[in-house]
């Protein structure tokens, strides 16, 4: 089922390890308004690309997480289904993302 926003619907289904993916819309990734990615966004995209077949096989080929909750869901899947290297890389990406989060909250 294609929608007007360019995403598609994933039906509810059982995934490996008992994890459930509930029916939801998946949006194609959008670049920031200036068209450039930050270093942490680039690291996250590279991680997603490297582990898409092994850990994220249920997502579209052009899907990249946009919101903080989507990022965390993808990182948890890679951490759970990936190898030791994936686990370490997820922690590295989380450190980068937390730095950006801290900078944003410090600007108040």
N, C-alpha and C. Protein backbone atom coordinates (compact mmCIF):
# COMPACT_ATOMS: atom_id res chain seq x y z
N UNK A 1 0.83 -1.18 0.00
CA UNK A 1 0.00 0.00 0.00
C UNK A 1 0.88 1.24 0.00
N UNK A 2 0.85 1.98 -1.01
CA UNK A 2 1.63 3.22 -1.06
C UNK A 2 0.77 4.37 -0.62
N UNK A 3 1.36 5.28 0.11
CA UNK A 3 0.65 6.47 0.56
C UNK A 3 1.11 7.68 -0.22
N UNK A 4 0.53 8.81 0.12
CA UNK A 4 0.89 10.03 -0.59
C UNK A 4 2.21 10.61 -0.11
N UNK A 5 2.67 10.16 1.07
CA UNK A 5 3.91 10.73 1.60
C UNK A 5 5.16 10.00 1.11
N UNK A 6 5.01 9.03 0.23
CA UNK A 6 6.17 8.36 -0.33
C UNK A 6 6.63 7.16 0.47
N UNK A 7 5.96 6.83 1.56
CA UNK A 7 6.34 5.67 2.36
C UNK A 7 5.50 4.47 1.97
N UNK A 8 5.68 3.38 2.68
CA UNK A 8 4.82 2.24 2.46
C UNK A 8 4.51 1.61 3.80
N UNK A 9 3.52 0.76 3.81
CA UNK A 9 3.02 0.17 5.04
C UNK A 9 3.65 -1.19 5.27
N UNK A 10 4.18 -1.40 6.47
CA UNK A 10 4.70 -2.71 6.84
C UNK A 10 3.66 -3.40 7.72
N UNK A 11 3.16 -4.57 7.32
CA UNK A 11 2.17 -5.24 8.14
C UNK A 11 2.81 -5.79 9.42
N UNK A 12 1.97 -6.06 10.42
CA UNK A 12 2.50 -6.64 11.65
C UNK A 12 2.97 -8.05 11.33
N UNK A 13 4.16 -8.38 11.81
CA UNK A 13 4.69 -9.72 11.60
C UNK A 13 5.69 -10.04 12.69
N UNK A 14 5.91 -11.31 12.87
CA UNK A 14 6.84 -11.77 13.89
C UNK A 14 8.25 -11.74 13.32
N UNK A 15 9.19 -11.16 14.07
CA UNK A 15 10.57 -11.10 13.64
C UNK A 15 11.40 -12.08 14.45
N UNK A 16 12.63 -12.27 14.07
CA UNK A 16 13.52 -13.14 14.81
C UNK A 16 13.61 -12.70 16.27
N UNK A 17 13.76 -13.68 17.15
CA UNK A 17 13.97 -13.37 18.55
C UNK A 17 12.74 -12.87 19.27
N UNK A 18 11.56 -13.02 18.67
CA UNK A 18 10.34 -12.63 19.34
C UNK A 18 10.02 -11.15 19.28
N UNK A 19 10.84 -10.36 18.63
CA UNK A 19 10.60 -8.92 18.52
C UNK A 19 9.47 -8.69 17.51
N UNK A 20 8.58 -7.76 17.81
CA UNK A 20 7.48 -7.47 16.89
C UNK A 20 7.69 -6.13 16.22
N UNK A 21 7.38 -6.09 14.95
CA UNK A 21 7.34 -4.83 14.21
C UNK A 21 5.88 -4.57 13.92
N UNK A 22 5.30 -3.59 14.55
CA UNK A 22 3.87 -3.31 14.37
C UNK A 22 3.68 -2.53 13.08
N UNK A 23 2.50 -2.69 12.51
CA UNK A 23 2.19 -1.97 11.28
C UNK A 23 2.44 -0.49 11.44
N UNK A 24 3.25 0.07 10.58
CA UNK A 24 3.58 1.49 10.65
C UNK A 24 4.04 1.96 9.29
N UNK A 25 4.05 3.26 9.12
CA UNK A 25 4.50 3.82 7.86
C UNK A 25 6.00 4.04 7.93
N UNK A 26 6.67 3.75 6.84
CA UNK A 26 8.11 3.97 6.75
C UNK A 26 8.34 5.05 5.72
N UNK A 27 9.05 6.10 6.15
CA UNK A 27 9.31 7.24 5.27
C UNK A 27 10.70 7.12 4.66
N UNK A 28 10.86 7.56 3.41
CA UNK A 28 12.21 7.64 2.89
C UNK A 28 12.99 8.72 3.64
N UNK A 29 14.27 8.57 3.73
CA UNK A 29 15.09 9.52 4.49
C UNK A 29 15.14 10.87 3.78
N UNK A 30 15.23 11.91 4.59
CA UNK A 30 15.36 13.26 4.05
C UNK A 30 16.66 13.86 4.55
N UNK A 31 17.35 14.55 3.67
CA UNK A 31 18.56 15.26 4.08
C UNK A 31 18.17 16.56 4.76
N UNK A 32 19.05 17.09 5.58
CA UNK A 32 18.77 18.39 6.20
C UNK A 32 18.56 19.46 5.13
N UNK A 33 18.00 20.59 5.54
CA UNK A 33 17.65 21.65 4.58
C UNK A 33 18.84 22.14 3.77
N UNK A 34 20.04 22.12 4.35
CA UNK A 34 21.20 22.60 3.61
C UNK A 34 21.78 21.55 2.67
N UNK A 35 21.24 20.30 2.70
CA UNK A 35 21.68 19.25 1.78
C UNK A 35 22.93 18.51 2.23
N UNK A 36 23.51 18.87 3.37
CA UNK A 36 24.71 18.22 3.87
C UNK A 36 24.39 17.42 5.12
N UNK A 37 25.09 16.30 5.28
CA UNK A 37 24.91 15.49 6.47
C UNK A 37 25.99 15.81 7.49
N UNK A 38 25.63 15.72 8.76
CA UNK A 38 26.62 15.88 9.82
C UNK A 38 27.44 14.60 9.92
N UNK A 39 28.53 14.65 10.67
CA UNK A 39 29.41 13.49 10.82
C UNK A 39 28.67 12.34 11.49
N UNK A 40 27.86 12.64 12.52
CA UNK A 40 27.15 11.57 13.20
C UNK A 40 26.07 10.95 12.32
N UNK A 41 25.41 11.76 11.51
CA UNK A 41 24.42 11.24 10.57
C UNK A 41 25.09 10.36 9.52
N UNK A 42 26.26 10.75 9.06
CA UNK A 42 27.01 9.96 8.10
C UNK A 42 27.44 8.62 8.70
N UNK A 43 27.90 8.65 9.97
CA UNK A 43 28.26 7.40 10.66
C UNK A 43 27.07 6.47 10.79
N UNK A 44 25.92 7.03 11.15
CA UNK A 44 24.71 6.24 11.31
C UNK A 44 24.29 5.61 9.98
N UNK A 45 24.31 6.40 8.92
CA UNK A 45 23.93 5.87 7.60
C UNK A 45 24.88 4.76 7.15
N UNK A 46 26.17 4.94 7.40
CA UNK A 46 27.15 3.91 7.02
C UNK A 46 26.88 2.62 7.80
N UNK A 47 26.58 2.76 9.09
CA UNK A 47 26.27 1.60 9.92
C UNK A 47 25.02 0.89 9.41
N UNK A 48 23.98 1.65 9.08
CA UNK A 48 22.75 1.06 8.54
C UNK A 48 23.04 0.33 7.25
N UNK A 49 23.80 0.94 6.36
CA UNK A 49 24.14 0.29 5.09
C UNK A 49 24.94 -0.99 5.29
N UNK A 50 25.89 -0.96 6.22
CA UNK A 50 26.75 -2.12 6.46
C UNK A 50 25.99 -3.31 7.05
N UNK A 51 24.96 -3.04 7.83
CA UNK A 51 24.24 -4.12 8.51
C UNK A 51 22.80 -4.28 8.05
N UNK A 52 22.46 -3.67 6.91
CA UNK A 52 21.09 -3.76 6.40
C UNK A 52 20.68 -5.20 6.10
N UNK A 53 21.49 -5.96 5.43
CA UNK A 53 21.13 -7.33 5.04
C UNK A 53 21.07 -8.27 6.25
N UNK A 54 21.97 -8.10 7.18
CA UNK A 54 22.05 -9.00 8.33
C UNK A 54 21.04 -8.66 9.41
N UNK A 55 20.83 -7.39 9.69
CA UNK A 55 20.04 -6.98 10.86
C UNK A 55 18.77 -6.20 10.52
N UNK A 56 18.73 -5.57 9.39
CA UNK A 56 17.62 -4.69 9.04
C UNK A 56 16.93 -5.13 7.75
N UNK A 57 16.89 -6.42 7.53
CA UNK A 57 16.35 -6.97 6.29
C UNK A 57 14.88 -6.63 6.09
N UNK A 58 14.15 -6.28 7.15
CA UNK A 58 12.73 -6.01 7.08
C UNK A 58 12.43 -4.56 6.69
N UNK A 59 13.47 -3.73 6.55
CA UNK A 59 13.28 -2.34 6.16
C UNK A 59 13.58 -2.15 4.68
N UNK A 60 13.01 -1.10 4.10
CA UNK A 60 13.26 -0.79 2.70
C UNK A 60 14.74 -0.51 2.47
N UNK A 61 15.19 -0.71 1.26
CA UNK A 61 16.60 -0.47 0.91
C UNK A 61 17.00 0.99 1.02
N UNK A 62 16.05 1.90 0.86
CA UNK A 62 16.37 3.33 0.92
C UNK A 62 15.97 3.97 2.25
N UNK A 63 15.66 3.15 3.25
CA UNK A 63 15.23 3.68 4.55
C UNK A 63 16.42 4.02 5.43
N UNK A 64 16.36 5.22 6.01
CA UNK A 64 17.30 5.64 7.05
C UNK A 64 16.47 6.29 8.15
N UNK A 65 16.81 6.04 9.40
CA UNK A 65 16.03 6.64 10.49
C UNK A 65 16.16 8.16 10.50
N UNK A 66 15.05 8.83 10.83
CA UNK A 66 15.03 10.28 10.84
C UNK A 66 14.90 10.80 12.27
N UNK A 67 13.93 10.30 13.01
CA UNK A 67 13.70 10.79 14.37
C UNK A 67 14.59 10.05 15.37
N UNK A 68 14.65 10.59 16.57
CA UNK A 68 15.46 9.96 17.63
C UNK A 68 14.93 8.57 17.97
N UNK A 69 13.62 8.40 17.99
CA UNK A 69 13.06 7.08 18.31
C UNK A 69 13.35 6.07 17.19
N UNK A 70 13.30 6.51 15.93
CA UNK A 70 13.63 5.62 14.82
C UNK A 70 15.11 5.23 14.88
N UNK A 71 15.97 6.20 15.20
CA UNK A 71 17.40 5.91 15.33
C UNK A 71 17.64 4.85 16.40
N UNK A 72 17.01 5.02 17.54
CA UNK A 72 17.20 4.08 18.64
C UNK A 72 16.68 2.69 18.28
N UNK A 73 15.56 2.61 17.58
CA UNK A 73 15.02 1.32 17.16
C UNK A 73 15.98 0.60 16.22
N UNK A 74 16.54 1.34 15.27
CA UNK A 74 17.49 0.75 14.32
C UNK A 74 18.77 0.34 15.04
N UNK A 75 19.26 1.18 15.93
CA UNK A 75 20.48 0.83 16.67
C UNK A 75 20.27 -0.40 17.55
N UNK A 76 19.10 -0.53 18.17
CA UNK A 76 18.81 -1.72 18.98
C UNK A 76 18.79 -2.98 18.12
N UNK A 77 18.21 -2.89 16.92
CA UNK A 77 18.16 -4.06 16.02
C UNK A 77 19.57 -4.48 15.60
N UNK A 78 20.41 -3.52 15.25
CA UNK A 78 21.78 -3.83 14.85
C UNK A 78 22.55 -4.41 16.03
N UNK A 79 22.36 -3.82 17.20
CA UNK A 79 23.04 -4.30 18.41
C UNK A 79 22.62 -5.73 18.75
N UNK A 80 21.35 -6.02 18.57
CA UNK A 80 20.82 -7.35 18.93
C UNK A 80 21.20 -8.43 17.93
N UNK A 81 21.08 -8.15 16.64
CA UNK A 81 21.26 -9.16 15.62
C UNK A 81 22.64 -9.14 14.97
N UNK A 82 23.44 -8.13 15.28
CA UNK A 82 24.76 -8.02 14.67
C UNK A 82 25.83 -8.78 15.43
N UNK A 83 27.04 -8.68 14.94
CA UNK A 83 28.19 -9.33 15.58
C UNK A 83 28.83 -8.37 16.59
N UNK A 84 29.96 -8.77 17.14
CA UNK A 84 30.65 -7.96 18.14
C UNK A 84 31.06 -6.60 17.56
N UNK A 85 31.52 -6.59 16.33
CA UNK A 85 31.89 -5.34 15.68
C UNK A 85 30.69 -4.41 15.56
N UNK A 86 29.54 -4.96 15.22
CA UNK A 86 28.32 -4.15 15.13
C UNK A 86 27.98 -3.55 16.50
N UNK A 87 28.08 -4.36 17.54
CA UNK A 87 27.81 -3.89 18.90
C UNK A 87 28.70 -2.71 19.25
N UNK A 88 29.98 -2.81 18.92
CA UNK A 88 30.92 -1.72 19.21
C UNK A 88 30.63 -0.48 18.38
N UNK A 89 30.28 -0.67 17.11
CA UNK A 89 29.99 0.46 16.25
C UNK A 89 28.71 1.18 16.69
N UNK A 90 27.72 0.42 17.16
CA UNK A 90 26.49 1.02 17.68
C UNK A 90 26.82 1.93 18.86
N UNK A 91 27.68 1.47 19.75
CA UNK A 91 28.07 2.29 20.90
C UNK A 91 28.80 3.56 20.46
N UNK A 92 29.62 3.45 19.42
CA UNK A 92 30.32 4.63 18.89
C UNK A 92 29.32 5.64 18.32
N UNK A 93 28.35 5.15 17.55
CA UNK A 93 27.34 6.04 16.97
C UNK A 93 26.51 6.68 18.08
N UNK A 94 26.16 5.91 19.10
CA UNK A 94 25.40 6.48 20.23
C UNK A 94 26.17 7.60 20.91
N UNK A 95 27.49 7.43 21.06
CA UNK A 95 28.29 8.50 21.66
C UNK A 95 28.22 9.77 20.81
N UNK A 96 28.35 9.63 19.49
CA UNK A 96 28.26 10.78 18.60
C UNK A 96 26.90 11.43 18.71
N UNK A 97 25.83 10.62 18.72
CA UNK A 97 24.48 11.17 18.79
C UNK A 97 24.22 11.85 20.13
N UNK A 98 24.79 11.31 21.21
CA UNK A 98 24.58 11.93 22.52
C UNK A 98 25.32 13.26 22.62
N UNK A 99 26.45 13.40 21.93
CA UNK A 99 27.16 14.69 21.90
C UNK A 99 26.29 15.75 21.25
N UNK A 100 25.65 15.38 20.15
CA UNK A 100 24.77 16.33 19.45
C UNK A 100 23.57 16.67 20.33
N UNK A 101 23.04 15.67 21.03
CA UNK A 101 21.92 15.89 21.92
C UNK A 101 22.31 16.82 23.07
N UNK A 102 23.51 16.63 23.59
CA UNK A 102 23.98 17.48 24.69
C UNK A 102 24.20 18.92 24.22
N UNK A 103 24.72 19.08 23.01
CA UNK A 103 24.92 20.42 22.47
C UNK A 103 23.60 21.14 22.29
N UNK A 104 22.60 20.43 21.82
CA UNK A 104 21.28 21.01 21.60
C UNK A 104 20.66 21.46 22.92
N UNK A 105 20.76 20.62 23.96
CA UNK A 105 20.17 20.97 25.24
C UNK A 105 20.96 22.08 25.95
N UNK A 106 22.25 22.21 25.68
CA UNK A 106 23.08 23.25 26.31
C UNK A 106 22.82 24.62 25.70
N UNK A 107 22.20 24.67 24.51
CA UNK A 107 21.94 25.94 23.84
C UNK A 107 20.72 26.67 24.41
N UNK A 108 20.04 26.11 25.37
CA UNK A 108 18.80 26.71 25.91
C UNK A 108 19.06 28.06 26.53
